[in-house]
Amino acid sequence: IHDPIVLYLDEPTSGLDSTSAFKVVQVLQGIARSGSVVVMSVHQPSSRILGLLDRLLFLSRGRAVFSGSPDGLPAFFAGFGHPVPDKESRTEFGLDLILELESTPGGADALVEHHRQWQAAHCRRQTEVSGTGSFTLRDAISASISRGKLVSGAANVGSTAAASAAGTTTTPGKPRPGVPTFANPFWVEVAVLARRSFTNSRRQPEIVAVWMGALLVTGIMLAAIFWRLQRSVVGIQERLGFFALAVATTYFTCGEVLPEFLQERYIFIRETSHNAYRRSSYVLANTVAIIPSLFPLSITFAAVTYFAVGLAGGFPGFLFYLMVIFSCFWAGIAYMTFLSGVIPDVRLGFTAVVASLSCFFLLGGFFVSRDRIPAYWLWLHYMSLVKYPYEA
């Protein structure tokens, strides 16, 4: 993900002075030496930058007119009958020559043909010296594996390509034998993604702080309103109202993390589209990684409200109440993750959160009992996130 095998850059030196441009290309050269392929367009490179490049490609209306080492430019143009003058930039001379040829009736056809002959002669000389042509696909893949750019299973691609050249074909839509779809096992992906999620959480402590502050304020208000409820029929009704509001508070508070999930949505789509990891690994990793953040929130809210309201059950009752609150937070986070995958816009996402949670709250069993809900709305009653923790 962060160390691609191929890196495309569009004029990375534009707008920079000569020294800064040279340093940028030096960094890119280091990336190329590490095993990546760096392809870039460059505008008027200096002689120092030209010395850092391994290969140079000149195009004329989409056709290659030169491809090779920058050191071969003088010999190439000399063979074409246009030697590079002394003390003149090789690249500027080449570009001026191409523009001059394009203005003629024949265009750059002669230079394109000269380039083809030049490449054919170069390949013949290379074959005579080494006994073989350029690297085979298997050799290139093996070199990439040794530099850590490809997984070892990808070496079978060379065999597949050779088989295809011999006339053997593979069934479309089926993975090639020996080539894994994913580079790492499932549990390795979960561990790496969970560690990344923990790291991101540590970098954004303000999110947990705001969440904690909102819960404290809401919890104190609920504790003050429902302070020491009486053990009577009225007290029972007030306790039911408190339970409904406590559950609703946890779910609506979870809506604050929706923008964060929407930002990660695009990262998730980009990474999974290239089989960087399994979707199930991402879901499980984020489910596990959110637990350390939910425990202090659940304990804070439960401690502020449980004893102030005067709920029965003692310490075992408090643990059960804490478990219900924690389950509400966990389910709320999962629901926000689901909405961020369905709705890509923050404003529409908040609208969907308010609308759906209001329906869940209305049909959860507090305002209207199950027996009085119309039959065509019962499915929403059983889907309500408020129903199950409220009944618990």
Protein backbone atom coordinates (compact mmCIF):
# COMPACT_ATOMS: atom_id res chain seq x y z
CA ILE A 1 0.00 0.00 0.00
CA HIS A 2 2.71 2.47 1.03
CA ASP A 3 5.52 0.99 -1.10
CA PRO A 4 4.03 0.49 -4.59
CA ILE A 5 5.80 -1.58 -7.20
CA VAL A 6 4.99 1.03 -9.88
CA LEU A 7 4.90 4.78 -9.19
CA TYR A 8 3.54 7.23 -11.80
CA LEU A 9 4.39 10.92 -11.39
CA ASP A 10 3.28 13.86 -13.54
CA GLU A 11 6.05 16.48 -13.69
CA PRO A 12 7.19 16.24 -10.04
CA THR A 13 9.85 18.91 -10.62
CA SER A 14 7.55 21.58 -12.05
CA GLY A 15 7.66 24.89 -10.19
CA LEU A 16 10.90 24.02 -8.37
CA ASP A 17 14.31 25.61 -8.66
CA SER A 18 17.14 23.53 -10.09
CA THR A 19 18.52 22.49 -6.69
CA SER A 20 15.14 21.41 -5.30
CA ALA A 21 14.28 19.60 -8.53
CA PHE A 22 17.58 17.72 -8.37
CA LYS A 23 16.93 16.65 -4.77
CA VAL A 24 13.44 15.44 -5.67
CA VAL A 25 14.81 13.30 -8.50
CA GLN A 26 17.51 11.99 -6.15
CA VAL A 27 14.77 10.77 -3.80
CA LEU A 28 12.95 9.16 -6.73
CA GLN A 29 16.18 7.49 -7.79
CA GLY A 30 16.48 6.00 -4.30
CA ILE A 31 12.92 4.67 -4.58
CA ALA A 32 13.79 3.12 -7.94
CA ARG A 33 16.92 1.52 -6.50
CA SER A 34 14.79 -0.10 -3.78
CA GLY A 35 12.97 -2.10 -6.45
CA SER A 36 10.06 0.12 -7.50
CA VAL A 37 9.48 1.24 -11.07
CA VAL A 38 9.29 5.05 -11.20
CA VAL A 39 7.70 6.51 -14.34
CA MET A 40 7.53 10.29 -14.57
CA SER A 41 7.13 13.08 -17.06
CA VAL A 42 9.72 15.82 -16.70
CA HIS A 43 9.82 19.38 -18.07
CA GLN A 44 13.19 20.68 -19.30
CA PRO A 45 15.47 18.54 -17.10
CA SER A 46 18.89 19.89 -16.31
CA SER A 47 22.04 17.95 -17.18
CA ARG A 48 22.39 16.86 -13.54
CA ILE A 49 18.84 15.49 -13.47
CA LEU A 50 19.42 13.79 -16.82
CA GLY A 51 22.37 11.95 -15.30
CA LEU A 52 20.10 10.41 -12.64
CA LEU A 53 17.64 8.90 -15.11
CA ASP A 54 18.01 5.27 -16.22
CA ARG A 55 15.83 5.48 -19.31
CA LEU A 56 14.39 8.31 -21.36
CA LEU A 57 11.37 8.23 -23.67
CA PHE A 58 10.60 10.84 -26.34
CA LEU A 59 7.15 10.81 -27.95
CA SER A 60 5.86 12.48 -31.10
CA ARG A 61 2.08 12.43 -31.41
CA GLY A 62 1.95 9.28 -29.30
CA ARG A 63 4.72 7.44 -31.19
CA ALA A 64 8.09 6.63 -29.65
CA VAL A 65 10.98 8.44 -31.33
CA PHE A 66 13.60 7.56 -28.71
CA SER A 67 13.71 5.06 -25.87
CA GLY A 68 16.87 4.24 -24.00
CA SER A 69 19.62 5.57 -21.79
CA PRO A 70 20.14 9.36 -21.85
CA ASP A 71 23.81 8.66 -22.63
CA GLY A 72 22.72 7.20 -25.97
CA LEU A 73 21.11 10.41 -27.20
CA PRO A 74 24.21 11.83 -28.99
CA ALA A 75 24.87 8.58 -30.88
CA PHE A 76 21.18 8.21 -31.72
CA PHE A 77 20.82 11.67 -33.25
CA ALA A 78 24.21 11.36 -34.95
CA GLY A 79 23.00 8.19 -36.64
CA PHE A 80 19.95 10.10 -37.83
CA GLY A 81 22.17 12.71 -39.43
CA HIS A 82 21.61 15.42 -36.83
CA PRO A 83 24.47 15.32 -34.32
CA VAL A 84 24.07 17.20 -31.07
CA PRO A 85 26.19 20.38 -31.16
CA ASP A 86 28.81 20.87 -28.50
CA LYS A 87 27.75 22.65 -25.31
CA GLU A 88 24.05 22.21 -26.11
CA SER A 89 21.53 20.33 -23.99
CA ARG A 90 20.80 16.91 -25.44
CA THR A 91 17.15 16.97 -24.40
CA GLU A 92 16.47 20.47 -25.67
CA PHE A 93 18.12 19.63 -28.98
CA GLY A 94 16.02 16.49 -29.29
CA LEU A 95 12.76 18.29 -28.51
CA ASP A 96 13.58 21.10 -30.95
CA LEU A 97 14.35 18.54 -33.65
CA ILE A 98 11.07 16.71 -33.04
CA LEU A 99 9.09 19.96 -33.25
CA GLU A 100 10.93 20.88 -36.45
CA LEU A 101 10.15 17.50 -38.03
CA GLU A 102 6.49 17.67 -37.00
CA SER A 103 6.13 20.92 -38.94
CA THR A 104 7.25 19.23 -42.19
CA PRO A 105 4.86 17.32 -44.51
CA GLY A 106 6.32 13.93 -43.58
CA GLY A 107 6.26 14.68 -39.88
CA ALA A 108 8.45 12.60 -37.60
CA ASP A 109 7.97 9.39 -39.62
CA ALA A 110 11.65 9.22 -40.52
CA LEU A 111 12.71 9.60 -36.89
CA VAL A 112 10.19 6.95 -35.80
CA GLU A 113 11.59 4.51 -38.37
CA HIS A 114 15.15 5.34 -37.32
CA HIS A 115 14.17 4.58 -33.73
CA ARG A 116 12.80 1.17 -34.73
CA GLN A 117 15.99 0.28 -36.56
CA TRP A 118 18.06 1.59 -33.67
CA GLN A 119 16.17 -0.59 -31.17
CA ALA A 120 16.49 -3.67 -33.40
CA ALA A 121 20.24 -3.17 -33.72
CA HIS A 122 20.54 -2.64 -29.97
CA CYS A 123 18.69 -5.91 -29.26
CA ARG A 124 20.96 -7.79 -31.67
CA ARG A 125 24.08 -6.44 -29.99
CA GLN A 126 22.72 -7.34 -26.54
CA THR A 127 21.93 -10.87 -27.69
CA GLU A 128 25.41 -11.34 -29.13
CA VAL A 129 27.05 -10.19 -25.91
CA SER A 130 24.91 -12.07 -23.35
CA GLY A 131 23.68 -14.95 -25.48
CA THR A 132 20.08 -14.10 -24.53
CA GLY A 133 17.80 -11.18 -24.94
CA SER A 134 16.54 -9.02 -22.13
CA PHE A 135 15.24 -10.39 -18.85
CA THR A 136 12.46 -12.94 -19.13
CA LEU A 137 9.24 -12.43 -17.21
CA ARG A 138 10.33 -15.08 -14.70
CA ASP A 139 13.66 -13.29 -14.13
CA ALA A 140 11.93 -9.95 -13.60
CA ILE A 141 9.46 -11.45 -11.12
CA SER A 142 12.24 -13.24 -9.24
CA ALA A 143 14.15 -9.97 -8.94
CA SER A 144 11.04 -8.23 -7.58
CA ILE A 145 10.51 -11.03 -5.04
CA SER A 146 14.10 -10.72 -3.81
CA ARG A 147 13.52 -6.99 -3.22
CA GLY A 148 10.29 -7.63 -1.33
CA LYS A 149 8.05 -6.10 -4.00
CA LEU A 150 6.07 -9.26 -4.80
CA VAL A 151 4.98 -12.32 -2.85
CA SER A 152 6.66 -15.59 -3.71
CA GLY A 153 3.48 -17.11 -5.11
CA ALA A 154 3.56 -14.59 -7.93
CA ALA A 155 6.56 -16.39 -9.42
CA ASN A 156 4.12 -18.83 -10.97
CA VAL A 157 2.95 -16.02 -13.22
CA GLY A 158 6.04 -16.61 -15.33
CA SER A 159 5.05 -20.23 -15.78
CA THR A 160 1.52 -19.19 -16.68
CA ALA A 161 2.81 -16.70 -19.23
CA ALA A 162 5.09 -19.34 -20.72
CA ALA A 163 2.21 -21.79 -20.92
CA SER A 164 0.08 -19.18 -22.63
CA ALA A 165 2.83 -18.56 -25.16
CA ALA A 166 2.93 -22.30 -25.85
CA GLY A 167 -0.78 -22.35 -26.56
CA THR A 168 -2.10 -23.40 -23.16
CA THR A 169 -4.89 -21.20 -21.84
CA THR A 170 -6.47 -20.81 -18.44
CA THR A 171 -10.15 -20.63 -17.69
CA PRO A 172 -11.33 -16.99 -17.48
CA GLY A 173 -12.58 -15.92 -14.07
CA LYS A 174 -10.63 -18.62 -12.22
CA PRO A 175 -7.50 -17.82 -10.20
CA ARG A 176 -4.22 -19.16 -11.55
CA PRO A 177 -2.96 -22.26 -9.74
CA GLY A 178 -0.44 -21.45 -7.04
CA VAL A 179 -1.11 -17.71 -7.07
CA PRO A 180 -2.89 -16.64 -3.84
CA THR A 181 -5.61 -14.01 -4.02
CA PHE A 182 -4.28 -12.30 -0.90
CA ALA A 183 -0.67 -11.91 0.18
CA ASN A 184 -1.25 -12.59 3.89
CA PRO A 185 -3.32 -15.01 5.98
CA PHE A 186 -6.59 -13.87 7.52
CA TRP A 187 -5.31 -13.45 11.09
CA VAL A 188 -2.23 -11.53 9.95
CA GLU A 189 -4.51 -9.06 8.16
CA VAL A 190 -6.68 -8.71 11.26
CA ALA A 191 -3.63 -8.02 13.44
CA VAL A 192 -2.17 -5.43 11.05
CA LEU A 193 -5.49 -3.63 10.53
CA ALA A 194 -6.27 -3.64 14.25
CA ARG A 195 -2.85 -2.16 15.01
CA ARG A 196 -3.43 0.53 12.40
CA SER A 197 -6.81 1.33 13.92
CA PHE A 198 -5.27 1.58 17.41
CA THR A 199 -2.60 3.93 16.04
CA ASN A 200 -5.20 6.16 14.39
CA SER A 201 -7.19 6.29 17.64
CA ARG A 202 -4.12 7.39 19.60
CA ARG A 203 -3.51 10.14 17.06
CA GLN A 204 -7.03 11.52 17.53
CA PRO A 205 -7.66 11.69 21.29
CA GLU A 206 -9.95 14.68 20.81
CA ILE A 207 -12.64 12.42 19.32
CA VAL A 208 -12.82 10.27 22.46
CA ALA A 209 -12.63 13.41 24.63
CA VAL A 210 -15.61 15.03 22.87
CA TRP A 211 -17.51 11.76 23.05
CA MET A 212 -16.76 11.45 26.76
CA GLY A 213 -17.81 15.05 27.40
CA ALA A 214 -21.12 14.60 25.61
CA LEU A 215 -21.86 11.43 27.59
CA LEU A 216 -20.97 13.07 30.90
CA VAL A 217 -23.26 16.04 30.27
CA THR A 218 -26.13 13.81 29.13
CA GLY A 219 -25.57 11.34 31.96
CA ILE A 220 -25.56 14.10 34.59
CA MET A 221 -28.78 15.55 33.16
CA LEU A 222 -30.48 12.14 33.22
CA ALA A 223 -29.23 11.52 36.77
CA ALA A 224 -30.56 14.90 37.92
CA ILE A 225 -33.96 14.44 36.26
CA PHE A 226 -34.47 10.83 37.43
CA TRP A 227 -32.80 11.26 40.84
CA ARG A 228 -33.73 8.54 43.35
CA LEU A 229 -36.92 7.29 41.74
CA GLN A 230 -39.61 6.03 44.08
CA ARG A 231 -40.53 2.36 44.41
CA SER A 232 -44.11 2.80 43.25
CA VAL A 233 -46.23 2.52 40.12
CA VAL A 234 -45.17 6.02 39.13
CA GLY A 235 -41.55 5.09 39.81
CA ILE A 236 -41.86 2.06 37.54
CA GLN A 237 -43.14 4.23 34.69
CA GLU A 238 -40.35 6.73 35.29
CA ARG A 239 -37.76 3.95 35.25
CA LEU A 240 -39.08 2.73 31.89
CA GLY A 241 -38.74 6.26 30.57
CA PHE A 242 -35.19 6.44 31.89
CA PHE A 243 -34.25 3.15 30.23
CA ALA A 244 -35.60 4.35 26.89
CA LEU A 245 -33.71 7.65 27.11
CA ALA A 246 -30.49 5.94 28.22
CA VAL A 247 -30.60 3.57 25.25
CA ALA A 248 -31.44 6.40 22.85
CA THR A 249 -28.57 8.48 24.23
CA THR A 250 -26.00 5.79 23.47
CA TYR A 251 -27.18 5.38 19.87
CA PHE A 252 -27.44 9.08 19.08
CA THR A 253 -24.01 9.67 20.61
CA CYS A 254 -22.53 7.09 18.23
CA GLY A 255 -23.62 9.31 15.34
CA GLU A 256 -20.70 11.63 16.12
CA VAL A 257 -18.23 9.12 14.64
CA LEU A 258 -20.00 8.98 11.26
CA PRO A 259 -17.67 11.55 9.55
CA GLU A 260 -14.62 9.55 10.65
CA PHE A 261 -16.04 6.37 9.14
CA LEU A 262 -16.88 8.20 5.92
CA GLN A 263 -13.24 9.29 5.60
CA GLU A 264 -12.05 5.71 6.02
CA ARG A 265 -14.60 4.53 3.47
CA TYR A 266 -12.53 5.71 0.51
CA ILE A 267 -9.37 4.15 1.93
CA PHE A 268 -11.22 0.87 2.42
CA ILE A 269 -12.57 0.88 -1.16
CA ARG A 270 -9.16 1.66 -2.65
CA GLU A 271 -7.29 -0.97 -0.65
CA THR A 272 -9.81 -3.80 -1.02
CA SER A 273 -10.15 -3.18 -4.77
CA HIS A 274 -6.49 -4.21 -5.08
CA ASN A 275 -6.90 -7.23 -2.75
CA ALA A 276 -4.69 -5.65 -0.11
CA TYR A 277 -6.77 -7.51 2.49
CA ARG A 278 -10.09 -9.27 2.94
CA ARG A 279 -13.26 -7.32 3.73
CA SER A 280 -13.98 -9.71 6.59
CA SER A 281 -10.55 -8.91 8.06
CA TYR A 282 -11.35 -5.20 8.04
CA VAL A 283 -14.71 -5.73 9.76
CA LEU A 284 -13.29 -7.98 12.48
CA ALA A 285 -10.23 -5.77 13.06
CA ASN A 286 -12.30 -2.62 13.53
CA THR A 287 -14.78 -4.49 15.72
CA VAL A 288 -11.96 -5.55 18.03
CA ALA A 289 -10.10 -2.24 17.89
CA ILE A 290 -13.10 -0.17 19.04
CA ILE A 291 -13.53 -2.15 22.29
CA PRO A 292 -10.85 -0.28 24.34
CA SER A 293 -12.55 3.02 23.50
CA LEU A 294 -16.04 1.80 24.38
CA PHE A 295 -15.23 0.43 27.83
CA PRO A 296 -14.37 3.77 29.53
CA LEU A 297 -17.37 5.41 27.85
CA SER A 298 -19.72 2.66 29.02
CA ILE A 299 -18.32 2.64 32.55
CA THR A 300 -18.57 6.43 32.83
CA PHE A 301 -22.18 6.60 31.64
CA ALA A 302 -23.26 3.60 33.73
CA ALA A 303 -21.58 4.87 36.91
CA VAL A 304 -23.10 8.34 36.58
CA THR A 305 -26.67 7.13 36.01
CA TYR A 306 -27.09 3.75 37.74
CA PHE A 307 -26.57 4.75 41.35
CA ALA A 308 -28.07 8.23 40.99
CA VAL A 309 -31.34 6.86 39.64
CA GLY A 310 -31.45 4.23 42.37
CA LEU A 311 -31.77 1.09 40.25
CA ALA A 312 -32.05 -2.18 42.16
CA GLY A 313 -29.79 -5.20 41.95
CA GLY A 314 -26.65 -4.06 43.71
CA PHE A 315 -23.28 -4.70 42.09
CA PRO A 316 -24.51 -7.65 39.93
CA GLY A 317 -27.28 -5.40 38.65
CA PHE A 318 -24.73 -2.70 37.86
CA LEU A 319 -22.63 -5.19 35.86
CA PHE A 320 -25.69 -6.25 33.87
CA TYR A 321 -26.61 -2.60 33.26
CA LEU A 322 -23.01 -1.90 32.18
CA MET A 323 -23.12 -4.84 29.77
CA VAL A 324 -26.33 -3.52 28.19
CA ILE A 325 -24.87 -0.02 27.79
CA PHE A 326 -21.69 -1.46 26.26
CA SER A 327 -23.76 -3.57 23.85
CA CYS A 328 -25.68 -0.45 22.82
CA PHE A 329 -22.46 1.39 22.04
CA TRP A 330 -21.07 -1.58 20.12
CA ALA A 331 -24.26 -2.02 18.09
CA GLY A 332 -24.42 1.74 17.47
CA ILE A 333 -20.85 1.81 16.12
CA ALA A 334 -21.63 -1.15 13.86
CA TYR A 335 -24.75 0.62 12.58
CA MET A 336 -22.77 3.81 11.84
CA THR A 337 -20.22 1.71 9.95
CA PHE A 338 -23.04 0.21 7.90
CA LEU A 339 -24.47 3.64 7.07
CA SER A 340 -21.04 4.97 6.06
CA GLY A 341 -20.76 2.12 3.58
CA VAL A 342 -24.17 2.82 2.07
CA ILE A 343 -24.26 6.64 2.15
CA PRO A 344 -21.10 8.48 0.98
CA ASP A 345 -22.14 12.01 2.06
CA VAL A 346 -21.88 13.38 5.61
CA ARG A 347 -25.05 15.48 5.49
CA LEU A 348 -27.12 12.66 4.04
CA GLY A 349 -25.56 10.33 6.58
CA PHE A 350 -26.63 12.46 9.55
CA THR A 351 -30.12 12.75 8.07
CA ALA A 352 -30.30 8.97 7.74
CA VAL A 353 -29.05 8.53 11.32
CA VAL A 354 -31.72 10.81 12.78
CA ALA A 355 -34.52 9.39 10.63
CA SER A 356 -33.68 5.71 11.18
CA LEU A 357 -32.99 6.02 14.92
CA SER A 358 -36.24 7.96 15.36
CA CYS A 359 -38.12 5.10 13.70
CA PHE A 360 -36.30 2.57 15.87
CA PHE A 361 -37.11 4.62 18.97
CA LEU A 362 -40.78 4.99 17.98
CA LEU A 363 -41.28 1.29 17.23
CA GLY A 364 -38.93 -0.10 19.89
CA GLY A 365 -41.75 -0.85 22.33
CA PHE A 366 -41.67 2.20 24.60
CA PHE A 367 -44.19 4.56 23.00
CA VAL A 368 -46.31 1.87 21.34
CA SER A 369 -46.54 -1.71 22.57
CA ARG A 370 -45.97 -4.53 20.13
CA ASP A 371 -49.67 -5.50 20.09
CA ARG A 372 -50.70 -2.04 18.85
CA ILE A 373 -48.13 -1.78 16.05
CA PRO A 374 -49.72 -2.35 12.60
CA ALA A 375 -48.78 -5.65 10.99
CA TYR A 376 -47.00 -3.96 8.09
CA TRP A 377 -44.61 -2.22 10.56
CA LEU A 378 -43.78 -5.27 12.69
CA TRP A 379 -40.67 -6.04 10.63
CA LEU A 380 -39.25 -2.66 11.63
CA HIS A 381 -40.13 -3.37 15.26
CA TYR A 382 -37.94 -6.49 15.22
CA MET A 383 -35.17 -4.65 13.36
CA SER A 384 -35.18 -1.81 15.89
CA LEU A 385 -31.87 -1.34 17.69
CA VAL A 386 -33.78 0.10 20.66
CA LYS A 387 -36.07 -2.90 21.19
CA TYR A 388 -33.60 -5.45 22.56
CA PRO A 389 -31.56 -3.34 25.02
CA TYR A 390 -34.77 -1.66 26.22
CA GLU A 391 -36.36 -5.03 26.94
CA ALA A 392 -33.15 -6.20 28.64
